[in-house]
Amino acid sequence: MKNLAVLLFISLMTLGVNAQEKVAKIEFTTDTVDYGEIEKGSDGVRVFEFKNTGNAPLIISKVSSSCGCTIPKKPEGPIMPGETGEIQVKYDTNRPGPIRKAITVLSNADTPTTILKIKGTVKPMSGK
């Protein structure tokens, strides 16, 4: 009976270790999007592409910005292993001046917090 209890305990420990090996991993193509110089009022939408390089579904729980002038949009469903996804960022280009903002991505990946950056300059409309 004692051997059976030990065998059961070892089996449960092995299952626990195997379950922990299933992990989502998020790899971004780039962690910075450079708008360069753009005109005031131009299209402020840019995309951060990523891939789940892990072996478990990737779930992005929250995407937030360092200011209200930047609106990030996350994927709604899980990203399966090997699949790609994108986080869309919309910057308010009606604000002339430098762009230096951070976007925080929270997920169930092995690195749960990722910081993405946007940069560039919004030029005032020419002739005004």
Foldseek 3Di string as FASTA:
>chain_A
DVVVVVVVVVVVVVVVVVVVQQFWAKDWPDQEAEPAEAEQPDWQKDKIKIATQTQAWKDWDDKAKPDPQKDKDADDDTAHHGGMDIIMIGGNSNDFFWAWMWMWIAIRGPPGIDIGIYIYGHHYDPPD
